Amino acid sequence: MHIDNIQSAENGNLKCNNYTVEEQAIINILKTNSATTQEEIAKQINKSLRTVKTYMAEMKKKGLIKRKNGKKNGEWQVNE
C-alpha cells in the first residue's frame, strides 16, 4: 500500500480506498474463507469480539458485506 493512498478519517481510523484498515482486513479474511466466524476474525485482527461485531454491522449498513443462509450455517458475502 502506498502512503498517499492513506487518509485520516474523522473518527481517527485510517482509510484506504474508501475502507478503514480494519474493514479492509475483515474483507481480506472473508475473501479467503467466507465461513470464518466473527470470533476467528477478532483473533486474526487482534480486536475484541464486540469491536468486530460493531465493524461488521457498519459494513453491512454500508453494503460492503452481507450474510447468506442464516447465522448458524451461513457464509459472508463480500460486495465490492
N, C-alpha and C. Protein backbone atom coordinates (compact mmCIF):
# COMPACT_ATOMS: atom_id res chain seq x y z
N MET A 1 0.84 -1.16 0.00
CA MET A 1 0.00 0.00 0.00
C MET A 1 0.89 1.23 0.00
N HIS A 2 0.55 2.19 -0.82
CA HIS A 2 1.31 3.43 -0.89
C HIS A 2 0.79 4.40 0.17
N ILE A 3 1.69 5.16 0.73
CA ILE A 3 1.32 6.09 1.80
C ILE A 3 0.36 7.15 1.32
N ASP A 4 0.40 7.54 0.04
CA ASP A 4 -0.51 8.57 -0.42
C ASP A 4 -1.93 8.05 -0.63
N ASN A 5 -2.13 6.74 -0.54
CA ASN A 5 -3.48 6.18 -0.61
C ASN A 5 -4.16 6.16 0.75
N ILE A 6 -3.44 6.53 1.80
CA ILE A 6 -3.98 6.51 3.15
C ILE A 6 -4.40 7.91 3.55
N GLN A 7 -5.60 8.02 4.07
CA GLN A 7 -6.10 9.31 4.54
C GLN A 7 -6.60 9.13 5.97
N SER A 8 -6.54 10.18 6.73
CA SER A 8 -7.05 10.13 8.10
C SER A 8 -8.57 10.32 8.07
N ALA A 9 -9.26 9.45 8.74
CA ALA A 9 -10.71 9.56 8.82
C ALA A 9 -11.09 10.43 10.01
N GLU A 10 -12.34 10.88 10.03
CA GLU A 10 -12.81 11.75 11.10
C GLU A 10 -12.74 11.07 12.46
N ASN A 11 -12.99 9.76 12.51
CA ASN A 11 -13.00 9.07 13.79
C ASN A 11 -11.62 8.56 14.21
N GLY A 12 -10.59 8.90 13.48
CA GLY A 12 -9.24 8.52 13.86
C GLY A 12 -8.73 7.25 13.21
N ASN A 13 -9.61 6.48 12.57
CA ASN A 13 -9.16 5.28 11.86
C ASN A 13 -8.56 5.68 10.52
N LEU A 14 -7.58 4.93 10.08
CA LEU A 14 -7.00 5.19 8.77
C LEU A 14 -7.92 4.64 7.70
N LYS A 15 -7.97 5.33 6.56
CA LYS A 15 -8.80 4.86 5.44
C LYS A 15 -7.91 4.56 4.26
N CYS A 16 -8.26 3.53 3.52
CA CYS A 16 -7.55 3.16 2.31
C CYS A 16 -8.60 2.75 1.29
N ASN A 17 -8.65 3.43 0.16
CA ASN A 17 -9.61 3.11 -0.89
C ASN A 17 -11.05 3.04 -0.36
N ASN A 18 -11.46 4.03 0.42
CA ASN A 18 -12.80 4.14 0.97
C ASN A 18 -13.13 3.12 2.06
N TYR A 19 -12.18 2.33 2.51
CA TYR A 19 -12.38 1.40 3.62
C TYR A 19 -11.41 1.79 4.72
N THR A 20 -11.81 1.54 5.98
CA THR A 20 -10.84 1.68 7.05
C THR A 20 -9.88 0.49 6.95
N VAL A 21 -8.76 0.59 7.61
CA VAL A 21 -7.79 -0.52 7.60
C VAL A 21 -8.44 -1.76 8.20
N GLU A 22 -9.24 -1.58 9.24
CA GLU A 22 -9.91 -2.71 9.87
C GLU A 22 -10.92 -3.36 8.92
N GLU A 23 -11.68 -2.53 8.20
CA GLU A 23 -12.64 -3.07 7.24
C GLU A 23 -11.92 -3.84 6.14
N GLN A 24 -10.81 -3.31 5.67
CA GLN A 24 -10.06 -4.00 4.62
C GLN A 24 -9.52 -5.34 5.13
N ALA A 25 -9.07 -5.37 6.39
CA ALA A 25 -8.57 -6.61 6.97
C ALA A 25 -9.70 -7.65 7.05
N ILE A 26 -10.89 -7.22 7.46
CA ILE A 26 -12.03 -8.13 7.53
C ILE A 26 -12.41 -8.63 6.15
N ILE A 27 -12.43 -7.75 5.16
CA ILE A 27 -12.75 -8.14 3.79
C ILE A 27 -11.74 -9.17 3.28
N ASN A 28 -10.46 -8.94 3.54
CA ASN A 28 -9.43 -9.89 3.10
C ASN A 28 -9.63 -11.26 3.73
N ILE A 29 -9.97 -11.29 5.01
CA ILE A 29 -10.22 -12.57 5.70
C ILE A 29 -11.42 -13.27 5.09
N LEU A 30 -12.50 -12.53 4.85
CA LEU A 30 -13.71 -13.13 4.30
C LEU A 30 -13.52 -13.61 2.87
N LYS A 31 -12.67 -12.94 2.11
CA LYS A 31 -12.39 -13.40 0.74
C LYS A 31 -11.65 -14.73 0.78
N THR A 32 -10.82 -14.91 1.78
CA THR A 32 -10.06 -16.16 1.92
C THR A 32 -10.97 -17.30 2.37
N ASN A 33 -11.86 -17.00 3.34
CA ASN A 33 -12.77 -18.03 3.86
C ASN A 33 -14.08 -17.36 4.26
N SER A 34 -15.09 -17.51 3.44
CA SER A 34 -16.36 -16.83 3.68
C SER A 34 -17.12 -17.40 4.88
N ALA A 35 -16.72 -18.56 5.38
CA ALA A 35 -17.38 -19.17 6.53
C ALA A 35 -16.68 -18.81 7.85
N THR A 36 -15.71 -17.91 7.81
CA THR A 36 -14.99 -17.50 9.01
C THR A 36 -15.95 -16.87 10.01
N THR A 37 -15.81 -17.24 11.29
CA THR A 37 -16.67 -16.67 12.32
C THR A 37 -16.12 -15.32 12.79
N GLN A 38 -16.98 -14.56 13.42
CA GLN A 38 -16.56 -13.28 13.96
C GLN A 38 -15.51 -13.47 15.06
N GLU A 39 -15.59 -14.54 15.81
CA GLU A 39 -14.59 -14.84 16.83
C GLU A 39 -13.22 -15.06 16.20
N GLU A 40 -13.19 -15.80 15.10
CA GLU A 40 -11.92 -16.04 14.39
C GLU A 40 -11.36 -14.75 13.82
N ILE A 41 -12.23 -13.91 13.28
CA ILE A 41 -11.80 -12.61 12.74
C ILE A 41 -11.19 -11.77 13.85
N ALA A 42 -11.85 -11.74 15.00
CA ALA A 42 -11.36 -10.95 16.14
C ALA A 42 -9.94 -11.37 16.53
N LYS A 43 -9.71 -12.67 16.57
CA LYS A 43 -8.36 -13.17 16.90
C LYS A 43 -7.34 -12.77 15.84
N GLN A 44 -7.74 -12.87 14.57
CA GLN A 44 -6.80 -12.58 13.48
C GLN A 44 -6.42 -11.11 13.41
N ILE A 45 -7.35 -10.21 13.72
CA ILE A 45 -7.03 -8.78 13.62
C ILE A 45 -6.73 -8.17 14.99
N ASN A 46 -6.70 -9.02 16.01
CA ASN A 46 -6.32 -8.60 17.36
C ASN A 46 -7.26 -7.52 17.91
N LYS A 47 -8.55 -7.75 17.75
CA LYS A 47 -9.58 -6.86 18.28
C LYS A 47 -10.55 -7.71 19.11
N SER A 48 -11.35 -7.06 19.93
CA SER A 48 -12.34 -7.80 20.72
C SER A 48 -13.48 -8.25 19.81
N LEU A 49 -14.20 -9.28 20.26
CA LEU A 49 -15.36 -9.77 19.51
C LEU A 49 -16.39 -8.66 19.37
N ARG A 50 -16.62 -7.91 20.43
CA ARG A 50 -17.60 -6.81 20.38
C ARG A 50 -17.21 -5.78 19.31
N THR A 51 -15.92 -5.46 19.22
CA THR A 51 -15.44 -4.50 18.22
C THR A 51 -15.67 -5.03 16.81
N VAL A 52 -15.37 -6.30 16.59
CA VAL A 52 -15.56 -6.91 15.27
C VAL A 52 -17.05 -6.91 14.91
N LYS A 53 -17.91 -7.22 15.87
CA LYS A 53 -19.35 -7.20 15.60
C LYS A 53 -19.80 -5.79 15.20
N THR A 54 -19.26 -4.78 15.87
CA THR A 54 -19.59 -3.40 15.54
C THR A 54 -19.11 -3.05 14.13
N TYR A 55 -17.86 -3.39 13.82
CA TYR A 55 -17.32 -3.13 12.47
C TYR A 55 -18.18 -3.80 11.41
N MET A 56 -18.53 -5.07 11.65
CA MET A 56 -19.26 -5.81 10.63
C MET A 56 -20.70 -5.31 10.49
N ALA A 57 -21.30 -4.85 11.57
CA ALA A 57 -22.64 -4.27 11.48
C ALA A 57 -22.60 -3.00 10.62
N GLU A 58 -21.57 -2.19 10.82
CA GLU A 58 -21.40 -0.98 9.99
C GLU A 58 -21.13 -1.35 8.53
N MET A 59 -20.34 -2.39 8.33
CA MET A 59 -20.03 -2.84 6.97
C MET A 59 -21.29 -3.33 6.27
N LYS A 60 -22.18 -4.00 7.02
CA LYS A 60 -23.45 -4.44 6.43
C LYS A 60 -24.31 -3.24 6.05
N LYS A 61 -24.34 -2.21 6.92
CA LYS A 61 -25.11 -1.00 6.61
C LYS A 61 -24.58 -0.31 5.35
N LYS A 62 -23.26 -0.32 5.18
CA LYS A 62 -22.63 0.31 4.02
C LYS A 62 -22.79 -0.54 2.76
N GLY A 63 -23.24 -1.79 2.93
CA GLY A 63 -23.39 -2.69 1.79
C GLY A 63 -22.10 -3.37 1.36
N LEU A 64 -21.09 -3.36 2.23
CA LEU A 64 -19.81 -3.99 1.89
C LEU A 64 -19.87 -5.50 2.02
N ILE A 65 -20.65 -5.99 2.99
CA ILE A 65 -20.79 -7.43 3.22
C ILE A 65 -22.25 -7.75 3.50
N LYS A 66 -22.60 -9.02 3.35
CA LYS A 66 -23.91 -9.49 3.79
C LYS A 66 -23.80 -10.96 4.16
N ARG A 67 -24.76 -11.40 4.94
CA ARG A 67 -24.78 -12.78 5.42
C ARG A 67 -25.75 -13.58 4.55
N LYS A 68 -25.30 -14.75 4.09
CA LYS A 68 -26.13 -15.65 3.29
C LYS A 68 -26.43 -16.89 4.11
N ASN A 69 -27.63 -17.40 4.01
CA ASN A 69 -28.04 -18.68 4.58
C ASN A 69 -28.04 -18.73 6.10
N GLY A 70 -28.32 -17.65 6.75
CA GLY A 70 -28.54 -17.67 8.19
C GLY A 70 -27.30 -17.58 9.06
N LYS A 71 -27.54 -17.48 10.36
CA LYS A 71 -26.46 -17.28 11.32
C LYS A 71 -25.62 -18.53 11.56
N LYS A 72 -26.27 -19.67 11.71
CA LYS A 72 -25.56 -20.87 12.13
C LYS A 72 -24.76 -21.52 11.01
N ASN A 73 -25.36 -21.72 9.87
CA ASN A 73 -24.69 -22.43 8.78
C ASN A 73 -24.38 -21.53 7.59
N GLY A 74 -24.45 -20.23 7.80
CA GLY A 74 -24.30 -19.30 6.69
C GLY A 74 -22.85 -18.93 6.38
N GLU A 75 -22.72 -18.05 5.40
CA GLU A 75 -21.42 -17.55 4.97
C GLU A 75 -21.54 -16.05 4.77
N TRP A 76 -20.41 -15.39 4.78
CA TRP A 76 -20.35 -13.97 4.49
C TRP A 76 -20.09 -13.76 3.01
N GLN A 77 -20.74 -12.79 2.44
CA GLN A 77 -20.53 -12.44 1.04
C GLN A 77 -19.98 -11.02 0.99
N VAL A 78 -18.85 -10.85 0.29
CA VAL A 78 -18.23 -9.53 0.14
C VAL A 78 -18.80 -8.90 -1.12
N ASN A 79 -19.32 -7.68 -0.98
CA ASN A 79 -19.91 -6.95 -2.10
C ASN A 79 -18.98 -5.80 -2.50
N GLU A 80 -18.11 -6.05 -3.44
CA GLU A 80 -17.20 -4.96 -3.84
C GLU A 80 -17.59 -4.39 -5.17
